[in-house]
C-alpha atoms as a PDB file:
ATOM      1  CA  MET A   1       0.000   0.000   0.000  1.00  0.00           C
ATOM      2  CA  ALA A   2       1.351   3.427  -0.964  1.00  0.00           C
ATOM      3  CA  ASN A   3       2.343   5.939   1.656  1.00  0.00           C
ATOM      4  CA  PRO A   4       0.171   9.058   1.163  1.00  0.00           C
ATOM      5  CA  TYR A   5       2.973  11.335   2.402  1.00  0.00           C
ATOM      6  CA  GLU A   6       5.956  10.121   0.363  1.00  0.00           C
ATOM      7  CA  ASN A   7       5.116  12.362  -2.600  1.00  0.00           C
ATOM      8  CA  PHE A   8       4.326  15.392  -0.455  1.00  0.00           C
ATOM      9  CA  LYS A   9       5.615  18.620  -1.989  1.00  0.00           C
ATOM     10  CA  LYS A  10       5.927  21.812   0.005  1.00  0.00           C
ATOM     11  CA  ASP A  11       4.472  24.896  -1.617  1.00  0.00           C
ATOM     12  CA  PRO A  12       6.179  27.926  -0.020  1.00  0.00           C
ATOM     13  CA  GLU A  13       3.384  30.308  -1.016  1.00  0.00           C
ATOM     14  CA  SER A  14       0.647  28.168   0.510  1.00  0.00           C
ATOM     15  CA  LEU A  15       2.733  27.640   3.659  1.00  0.00           C
ATOM     16  CA  GLU A  16       2.958  31.379   4.242  1.00  0.00           C
ATOM     17  CA  THR A  17      -0.787  31.687   3.640  1.00  0.00           C
ATOM     18  CA  ASN A  18      -1.969  28.654   5.626  1.00  0.00           C
ATOM     19  CA  LEU A  19       0.387  28.755   8.613  1.00  0.00           C
ATOM     20  CA  THR A  20       0.517  31.344  11.348  1.00  0.00           C
ATOM     21  CA  THR A  21       3.689  33.411  11.612  1.00  0.00           C
ATOM     22  CA  LEU A  22       4.824  31.258  14.549  1.00  0.00           C
ATOM     23  CA  GLN A  23       4.026  27.958  12.789  1.00  0.00           C
ATOM     24  CA  PHE A  24       5.974  29.091   9.731  1.00  0.00           C
ATOM     25  CA  HIS A  25       8.917  30.301  11.835  1.00  0.00           C
ATOM     26  CA  VAL A  26       9.107  27.037  13.785  1.00  0.00           C
ATOM     27  CA  THR A  27       8.593  24.551  10.940  1.00  0.00           C
ATOM     28  CA  GLN A  28      10.450  26.324   8.134  1.00  0.00           C
ATOM     29  CA  ASN A  29      13.143  28.306   9.982  1.00  0.00           C
ATOM     30  CA  ALA A  30      13.886  25.901  12.863  1.00  0.00           C
ATOM     31  CA  GLY A  31      12.434  28.331  15.370  1.00  0.00           C
ATOM     32  CA  THR A  32      11.356  27.665  18.939  1.00  0.00           C
ATOM     33  CA  GLU A  33       8.186  28.784  20.654  1.00  0.00           C
ATOM     34  CA  PRO A  34       8.109  29.996  24.274  1.00  0.00           C
ATOM     35  CA  PRO A  35       7.902  27.297  26.961  1.00  0.00           C
ATOM     36  CA  PHE A  36       4.680  27.020  28.984  1.00  0.00           C
ATOM     37  CA  GLN A  37       2.988  29.402  26.516  1.00  0.00           C
ATOM     38  CA  ASN A  38       2.077  26.987  23.765  1.00  0.00           C
ATOM     39  CA  GLU A  39      -0.971  24.948  22.897  1.00  0.00           C
ATOM     40  CA  TYR A  40       0.038  21.391  23.813  1.00  0.00           C
ATOM     41  CA  TRP A  41       2.589  21.549  26.637  1.00  0.00           C
ATOM     42  CA  ASP A  42      -0.022  20.434  29.209  1.00  0.00           C
ATOM     43  CA  HIS A  43      -2.543  18.893  26.817  1.00  0.00           C
ATOM     44  CA  LYS A  44      -3.951  15.622  28.163  1.00  0.00           C
ATOM     45  CA  ALA A  45      -6.592  14.442  25.618  1.00  0.00           C
ATOM     46  CA  ALA A  46      -6.230  11.078  23.872  1.00  0.00           C
ATOM     47  CA  GLY A  47      -5.237  11.223  20.218  1.00  0.00           C
ATOM     48  CA  ILE A  48      -2.373  11.779  17.831  1.00  0.00           C
ATOM     49  CA  TYR A  49      -0.203  14.739  16.923  1.00  0.00           C
ATOM     50  CA  VAL A  50       0.457  15.268  13.220  1.00  0.00           C
ATOM     51  CA  ASP A  51       2.749  17.576  11.254  1.00  0.00           C
ATOM     52  CA  ILE A  52       0.959  20.936  10.843  1.00  0.00           C
ATOM     53  CA  VAL A  53       2.382  21.163   7.296  1.00  0.00           C
ATOM     54  CA  SER A  54       1.664  17.725   5.825  1.00  0.00           C
ATOM     55  CA  GLY A  55      -0.580  15.857   8.255  1.00  0.00           C
ATOM     56  CA  GLU A  56       2.023  13.106   8.731  1.00  0.00           C
ATOM     57  CA  PRO A  57       1.260  11.211  11.976  1.00  0.00           C
ATOM     58  CA  LEU A  58       4.139  11.818  14.369  1.00  0.00           C
ATOM     59  CA  PHE A  59       3.339  11.265  18.041  1.00  0.00           C
ATOM     60  CA  ALA A  60       0.569   9.723  20.163  1.00  0.00           C
ATOM     61  CA  SER A  61      -0.810  10.890  23.483  1.00  0.00           C
ATOM     62  CA  ILE A  62      -0.043   7.462  24.972  1.00  0.00           C
ATOM     63  CA  HIS A  63       3.691   8.278  24.589  1.00  0.00           C
ATOM     64  CA  LYS A  64       3.427  11.818  26.016  1.00  0.00           C
ATOM     65  CA  PHE A  65       4.773  12.751  29.440  1.00  0.00           C
ATOM     66  CA  ASP A  66       5.283  15.860  31.549  1.00  0.00           C
ATOM     67  CA  SER A  67       8.971  16.687  31.268  1.00  0.00           C
ATOM     68  CA  GLY A  68       8.633  19.957  33.178  1.00  0.00           C
ATOM     69  CA  THR A  69      10.206  21.843  30.260  1.00  0.00           C
ATOM     70  CA  GLY A  70       7.072  23.652  29.044  1.00  0.00           C
ATOM     71  CA  TRP A  71       6.944  21.908  25.659  1.00  0.00           C
ATOM     72  CA  PRO A  72       5.094  18.743  24.670  1.00  0.00           C
ATOM     73  CA  SER A  73       7.389  15.801  25.332  1.00  0.00           C
ATOM     74  CA  PHE A  74       7.148  12.224  24.097  1.00  0.00           C
ATOM     75  CA  TYR A  75       9.337   9.209  24.826  1.00  0.00           C
ATOM     76  CA  GLN A  76       8.944   7.906  21.257  1.00  0.00           C
ATOM     77  CA  PRO A  77       7.334   8.740  17.908  1.00  0.00           C
ATOM     78  CA  ILE A  78       4.406   6.678  16.614  1.00  0.00           C
ATOM     79  CA  ASN A  79       6.900   4.596  14.647  1.00  0.00           C
ATOM     80  CA  GLU A  80      10.603   4.797  13.865  1.00  0.00           C
ATOM     81  CA  TRP A  81       9.916   6.172  10.373  1.00  0.00           C
ATOM     82  CA  ALA A  82       7.726   9.058  11.558  1.00  0.00           C
ATOM     83  CA  THR A  83      10.668  11.374  12.123  1.00  0.00           C
ATOM     84  CA  GLN A  84      14.208  11.961  10.938  1.00  0.00           C
ATOM     85  CA  LEU A  85      17.050  13.063  13.170  1.00  0.00           C
ATOM     86  CA  LYS A  86      19.768  15.525  12.211  1.00  0.00           C
ATOM     87  CA  SER A  87      22.782  16.951  13.995  1.00  0.00           C
ATOM     88  CA  ASP A  88      22.218  20.538  15.088  1.00  0.00           C
ATOM     89  CA  TYR A  89      25.157  22.813  15.914  1.00  0.00           C
ATOM     90  CA  ALA A  90      23.184  26.099  15.984  1.00  0.00           C
ATOM     91  CA  LEU A  91      23.882  26.575  19.704  1.00  0.00           C
ATOM     92  CA  TRP A  92      27.114  26.145  21.619  1.00  0.00           C
ATOM     93  CA  VAL A  93      26.086  22.578  22.568  1.00  0.00           C
ATOM     94  CA  PRO A  94      25.529  19.947  19.859  1.00  0.00           C
ATOM     95  CA  ARG A  95      21.926  18.718  19.790  1.00  0.00           C
ATOM     96  CA  THR A  96      19.821  16.331  17.733  1.00  0.00           C
ATOM     97  CA  GLU A  97      17.091  18.020  15.735  1.00  0.00           C
ATOM     98  CA  VAL A  98      13.804  16.202  15.060  1.00  0.00           C
ATOM     99  CA  ARG A  99      12.192  16.765  11.645  1.00  0.00           C
ATOM    100  CA  SER A 100       9.147  15.232  10.012  1.00  0.00           C
ATOM    101  CA  ARG A 101       9.991  12.551   7.477  1.00  0.00           C
ATOM    102  CA  TYR A 102       8.242  13.835   4.346  1.00  0.00           C
ATOM    103  CA  ALA A 103       7.497  17.551   4.849  1.00  0.00           C
ATOM    104  CA  ASP A 104      10.921  18.023   6.482  1.00  0.00           C
ATOM    105  CA  SER A 105       9.341  20.341   9.056  1.00  0.00           C
ATOM    106  CA  HIS A 106      11.435  21.303  12.063  1.00  0.00           C
ATOM    107  CA  LEU A 107       9.658  19.820  15.084  1.00  0.00           C
ATOM    108  CA  GLY A 108      12.079  20.247  17.977  1.00  0.00           C
ATOM    109  CA  HIS A 109      14.932  18.244  19.505  1.00  0.00           C
ATOM    110  CA  VAL A 110      15.466  14.856  21.120  1.00  0.00           C
ATOM    111  CA  PHE A 111      17.490  14.234  24.290  1.00  0.00           C
ATOM    112  CA  ASN A 112      18.500  11.065  26.127  1.00  0.00           C
ATOM    113  CA  ASP A 113      17.065  12.109  29.499  1.00  0.00           C
ATOM    114  CA  GLY A 114      13.520  10.774  29.083  1.00  0.00           C
ATOM    115  CA  PRO A 115      11.576   8.103  30.966  1.00  0.00           C
ATOM    116  CA  PRO A 116      11.422   4.357  30.378  1.00  0.00           C
ATOM    117  CA  PRO A 117      10.948   2.442  28.232  1.00  0.00           C
ATOM    118  CA  THR A 118      13.122   4.395  25.760  1.00  0.00           C
ATOM    119  CA  GLY A 119      14.983   6.905  27.930  1.00  0.00           C
ATOM    120  CA  MET A 120      14.360   9.505  25.203  1.00  0.00           C
ATOM    121  CA  ARG A 121      12.691  12.923  25.429  1.00  0.00           C
ATOM    122  CA  TYR A 122      11.343  14.265  22.159  1.00  0.00           C
ATOM    123  CA  CYS A 123      10.886  17.929  23.051  1.00  0.00           C
ATOM    124  CA  ILE A 124       8.519  19.222  20.360  1.00  0.00           C
ATOM    125  CA  ASN A 125       7.108  22.642  19.489  1.00  0.00           C
ATOM    126  CA  SER A 126       3.304  22.809  19.651  1.00  0.00           C
ATOM    127  CA  ALA A 127       3.424  25.172  16.669  1.00  0.00           C
ATOM    128  CA  ALA A 128       4.670  22.277  14.512  1.00  0.00           C
ATOM    129  CA  LEU A 129       1.748  20.056  15.474  1.00  0.00           C
ATOM    130  CA  LYS A 130      -1.963  19.591  14.923  1.00  0.00           C
ATOM    131  CA  PHE A 131      -3.884  17.388  17.361  1.00  0.00           C
ATOM    132  CA  ILE A 132      -6.410  14.804  16.150  1.00  0.00           C
ATOM    133  CA  LYS A 133      -8.681  13.469  18.909  1.00  0.00           C
ATOM    134  CA  LYS A 134      -8.898   9.693  19.269  1.00  0.00           C
ATOM    135  CA  GLU A 135     -12.622   9.750  18.461  1.00  0.00           C
ATOM    136  CA  ASP A 136     -11.926  11.660  15.216  1.00  0.00           C
ATOM    137  CA  LEU A 137      -9.231   9.334  13.839  1.00  0.00           C
ATOM    138  CA  HIS A 138     -11.604   7.472  11.491  1.00  0.00           C
ATOM    139  CA  ALA A 139     -13.239  10.623  10.144  1.00  0.00           C
ATOM    140  CA  MET A 140      -9.879  12.327   9.566  1.00  0.00           C
ATOM    141  CA  GLY A 141      -8.319   9.377   7.679  1.00  0.00           C
ATOM    142  CA  TYR A 142      -6.118   8.026  10.481  1.00  0.00           C
ATOM    143  CA  GLU A 143      -8.194   4.905  11.201  1.00  0.00           C
ATOM    144  CA  LYS A 144      -5.120   2.631  11.134  1.00  0.00           C
ATOM    145  CA  LEU A 145      -3.843   4.378  14.266  1.00  0.00           C
ATOM    146  CA  VAL A 146      -6.880   3.537  16.410  1.00  0.00           C
ATOM    147  CA  VAL A 147      -5.005   0.379  17.402  1.00  0.00           C
ATOM    148  CA  LEU A 148      -2.610   2.534  19.449  1.00  0.00           C
ATOM    149  CA  PHE A 149      -5.382   3.156  21.963  1.00  0.00           C
ATOM    150  CA  GLU A 150      -6.798  -0.369  22.276  1.00  0.00           C
ATOM    151  CA  ASP A 151      -4.678  -1.289  25.309  1.00  0.00           C
ATOM    152  CA  GLU A 152      -5.556   2.025  26.984  1.00  0.00           C
ATOM    153  CA  GLU A 153      -9.270   1.258  26.640  1.00  0.00           C
ATOM    154  CA  LYS A 154      -8.826  -2.099  28.427  1.00  0.00           C
ATOM    155  CA  LYS A 155      -7.355  -0.414  31.523  1.00  0.00           C
END
């Protein structure tokens, strides 16, 4: 089955029109939004977080945790192919940048100080994300990801 995102093409004009100034700055210019003053840092609803540019599924609420940093944090992406990692030397300390696989949107950074089971902390900008509620997954075309929440429903 074909991946609906692999042929995604960014249109710079539509990005500037369809994204807010902050969303554009974060996703296209590797910007960072303020901590504790963003949409998803303390968001607790069940669902998935997708790339604001392409709709690529990136992270699930079941992998989200409170890192105390003021940004949404996840201990893993939905799957290993959801993101790509790149070395980032923009600051005085080398970091690992997290980008979406197909739209190549800047999402944030990943650090090795997260909780089990992975020990990773994907520190992600809310401005790079759109949230899809669990109950809307079918209607929004993400029905294959409903399985992520099956174990949660049994608890």
